[in-house]
N, C-alpha and C. Protein backbone atom coordinates (compact mmCIF):
# COMPACT_ATOMS: atom_id res chain seq x y z
N MET A 1 -2.01 -33.43 -2.36
CA MET A 1 -1.92 -32.11 -2.96
C MET A 1 -2.64 -31.09 -2.08
N LEU A 2 -2.04 -29.91 -1.93
CA LEU A 2 -2.57 -28.85 -1.08
C LEU A 2 -3.68 -28.11 -1.81
N ASP A 3 -4.84 -27.98 -1.17
CA ASP A 3 -5.91 -27.23 -1.83
C ASP A 3 -5.69 -25.73 -1.67
N ILE A 4 -6.42 -24.95 -2.45
CA ILE A 4 -6.22 -23.50 -2.50
C ILE A 4 -6.53 -22.83 -1.17
N ASN A 5 -7.54 -23.31 -0.45
CA ASN A 5 -7.88 -22.70 0.84
C ASN A 5 -6.77 -22.88 1.86
N ALA A 6 -6.18 -24.07 1.89
CA ALA A 6 -5.07 -24.31 2.81
C ALA A 6 -3.87 -23.45 2.43
N PHE A 7 -3.64 -23.32 1.13
CA PHE A 7 -2.53 -22.48 0.67
C PHE A 7 -2.73 -21.03 1.09
N LEU A 8 -3.93 -20.51 0.87
CA LEU A 8 -4.21 -19.12 1.23
C LEU A 8 -4.11 -18.90 2.73
N GLU A 9 -4.58 -19.86 3.51
CA GLU A 9 -4.49 -19.74 4.97
C GLU A 9 -3.03 -19.70 5.41
N ASN A 10 -2.21 -20.56 4.83
CA ASN A 10 -0.79 -20.57 5.17
C ASN A 10 -0.12 -19.27 4.76
N SER A 11 -0.47 -18.73 3.60
CA SER A 11 0.16 -17.49 3.15
C SER A 11 -0.27 -16.31 4.02
N LYS A 12 -1.52 -16.30 4.51
CA LYS A 12 -1.98 -15.24 5.41
C LYS A 12 -1.21 -15.28 6.72
N ARG A 13 -1.01 -16.48 7.24
CA ARG A 13 -0.25 -16.63 8.48
C ARG A 13 1.17 -16.11 8.30
N LEU A 14 1.78 -16.43 7.17
CA LEU A 14 3.13 -15.98 6.88
C LEU A 14 3.17 -14.46 6.77
N ASP A 15 2.22 -13.87 6.05
CA ASP A 15 2.16 -12.41 5.91
C ASP A 15 2.03 -11.74 7.26
N ASN A 16 1.16 -12.26 8.11
CA ASN A 16 0.96 -11.66 9.43
C ASN A 16 2.22 -11.75 10.27
N SER A 17 2.92 -12.87 10.22
CA SER A 17 4.11 -13.00 11.05
C SER A 17 5.21 -12.08 10.55
N ILE A 18 5.31 -11.89 9.23
CA ILE A 18 6.31 -10.97 8.69
C ILE A 18 5.98 -9.55 9.11
N ASN A 19 4.72 -9.15 9.00
CA ASN A 19 4.32 -7.80 9.39
C ASN A 19 4.57 -7.56 10.87
N ASP A 20 4.26 -8.52 11.71
CA ASP A 20 4.49 -8.36 13.14
C ASP A 20 5.97 -8.17 13.44
N ASP A 21 6.83 -8.96 12.79
CA ASP A 21 8.26 -8.84 13.01
C ASP A 21 8.78 -7.47 12.60
N VAL A 22 8.35 -7.00 11.44
CA VAL A 22 8.82 -5.71 10.95
C VAL A 22 8.35 -4.59 11.86
N LEU A 23 7.10 -4.63 12.26
CA LEU A 23 6.56 -3.55 13.09
C LEU A 23 7.21 -3.50 14.46
N THR A 24 7.58 -4.62 15.02
CA THR A 24 8.19 -4.59 16.34
C THR A 24 9.64 -4.15 16.29
N GLU A 25 10.27 -4.25 15.12
CA GLU A 25 11.68 -3.86 15.02
C GLU A 25 11.87 -2.40 14.64
N LEU A 26 10.82 -1.72 14.24
CA LEU A 26 10.92 -0.32 13.85
C LEU A 26 10.64 0.59 15.04
N SER A 27 11.40 1.68 15.10
CA SER A 27 11.12 2.68 16.13
C SER A 27 9.93 3.53 15.69
N ASN A 28 9.41 4.30 16.61
CA ASN A 28 8.28 5.19 16.27
C ASN A 28 8.66 6.19 15.19
N GLU A 29 9.89 6.69 15.24
CA GLU A 29 10.34 7.64 14.22
C GLU A 29 10.38 6.99 12.84
N GLU A 30 10.85 5.75 12.78
CA GLU A 30 10.91 5.04 11.50
C GLU A 30 9.51 4.77 10.96
N VAL A 31 8.59 4.40 11.83
CA VAL A 31 7.20 4.17 11.40
C VAL A 31 6.61 5.48 10.89
N ASP A 32 6.87 6.59 11.57
CA ASP A 32 6.37 7.89 11.12
C ASP A 32 6.93 8.26 9.75
N MET A 33 8.21 7.97 9.52
CA MET A 33 8.82 8.26 8.22
C MET A 33 8.18 7.43 7.12
N ILE A 34 7.93 6.16 7.40
CA ILE A 34 7.30 5.29 6.42
C ILE A 34 5.88 5.77 6.12
N MET A 35 5.16 6.15 7.15
CA MET A 35 3.79 6.66 6.95
C MET A 35 3.80 7.95 6.13
N ALA A 36 4.80 8.81 6.37
CA ALA A 36 4.89 10.06 5.61
C ALA A 36 5.13 9.79 4.13
N VAL A 37 5.99 8.82 3.84
CA VAL A 37 6.25 8.46 2.44
C VAL A 37 4.98 7.91 1.81
N GLY A 38 4.28 7.04 2.52
CA GLY A 38 3.04 6.47 2.00
C GLY A 38 2.00 7.55 1.75
N ASN A 39 1.87 8.50 2.67
CA ASN A 39 0.91 9.60 2.49
C ASN A 39 1.30 10.48 1.31
N SER A 40 2.61 10.70 1.13
CA SER A 40 3.08 11.50 0.01
C SER A 40 2.77 10.82 -1.32
N ILE A 41 2.96 9.51 -1.37
CA ILE A 41 2.65 8.75 -2.59
C ILE A 41 1.16 8.81 -2.88
N GLU A 42 0.34 8.61 -1.86
CA GLU A 42 -1.11 8.66 -2.05
C GLU A 42 -1.55 10.05 -2.52
N GLY A 43 -0.96 11.10 -1.96
CA GLY A 43 -1.28 12.46 -2.40
C GLY A 43 -0.89 12.68 -3.84
N GLY A 44 0.28 12.19 -4.23
CA GLY A 44 0.72 12.31 -5.61
C GLY A 44 -0.20 11.59 -6.57
N LYS A 45 -0.66 10.42 -6.17
CA LYS A 45 -1.60 9.67 -7.02
C LYS A 45 -2.90 10.45 -7.18
N TRP A 46 -3.37 11.08 -6.13
CA TRP A 46 -4.62 11.84 -6.20
C TRP A 46 -4.45 13.02 -7.16
N PHE A 47 -3.34 13.78 -7.02
CA PHE A 47 -3.12 14.92 -7.90
C PHE A 47 -2.96 14.48 -9.35
N LEU A 48 -2.26 13.38 -9.58
CA LEU A 48 -2.10 12.87 -10.94
C LEU A 48 -3.45 12.49 -11.53
N ASN A 49 -4.29 11.85 -10.74
CA ASN A 49 -5.63 11.48 -11.20
C ASN A 49 -6.44 12.73 -11.56
N GLU A 50 -6.37 13.76 -10.73
CA GLU A 50 -7.09 15.01 -11.02
C GLU A 50 -6.57 15.65 -12.31
N ASP A 51 -5.24 15.67 -12.49
CA ASP A 51 -4.66 16.22 -13.72
C ASP A 51 -5.10 15.43 -14.94
N MET A 52 -5.12 14.11 -14.83
CA MET A 52 -5.54 13.28 -15.96
C MET A 52 -7.01 13.53 -16.29
N ASN A 53 -7.85 13.63 -15.27
CA ASN A 53 -9.28 13.92 -15.49
C ASN A 53 -9.45 15.26 -16.19
N TYR A 54 -8.69 16.26 -15.78
CA TYR A 54 -8.76 17.58 -16.40
C TYR A 54 -8.37 17.51 -17.87
N LEU A 55 -7.25 16.84 -18.16
CA LEU A 55 -6.79 16.75 -19.54
C LEU A 55 -7.76 15.96 -20.42
N ILE A 56 -8.31 14.90 -19.89
CA ILE A 56 -9.27 14.09 -20.66
C ILE A 56 -10.52 14.92 -20.94
N ASN A 57 -11.04 15.60 -19.93
CA ASN A 57 -12.25 16.41 -20.12
C ASN A 57 -12.00 17.59 -21.06
N LYS A 58 -10.81 18.17 -21.00
CA LYS A 58 -10.47 19.30 -21.86
C LYS A 58 -10.46 18.87 -23.33
N ASN A 59 -9.94 17.69 -23.62
CA ASN A 59 -9.87 17.20 -24.99
C ASN A 59 -11.23 16.78 -25.52
N MET A 60 -12.16 16.45 -24.65
CA MET A 60 -13.47 15.97 -25.09
C MET A 60 -14.43 17.12 -25.39
N ILE A 61 -14.12 18.31 -24.91
CA ILE A 61 -15.05 19.44 -25.11
C ILE A 61 -14.89 19.99 -26.51
């Protein structure tokens, strides 16, 4: 039976090889587009968090 450490090590190796393959197949423009989407999502999450904090604090006063 495979122990958890061996399983995790194998899954890390698999994740790294998948990431390497994807990154080498993308052009610089495609990587920039993906990064822009990620930054947009992160910005949206930040604004949503600020809005939620405002609404929560407004109701508590």
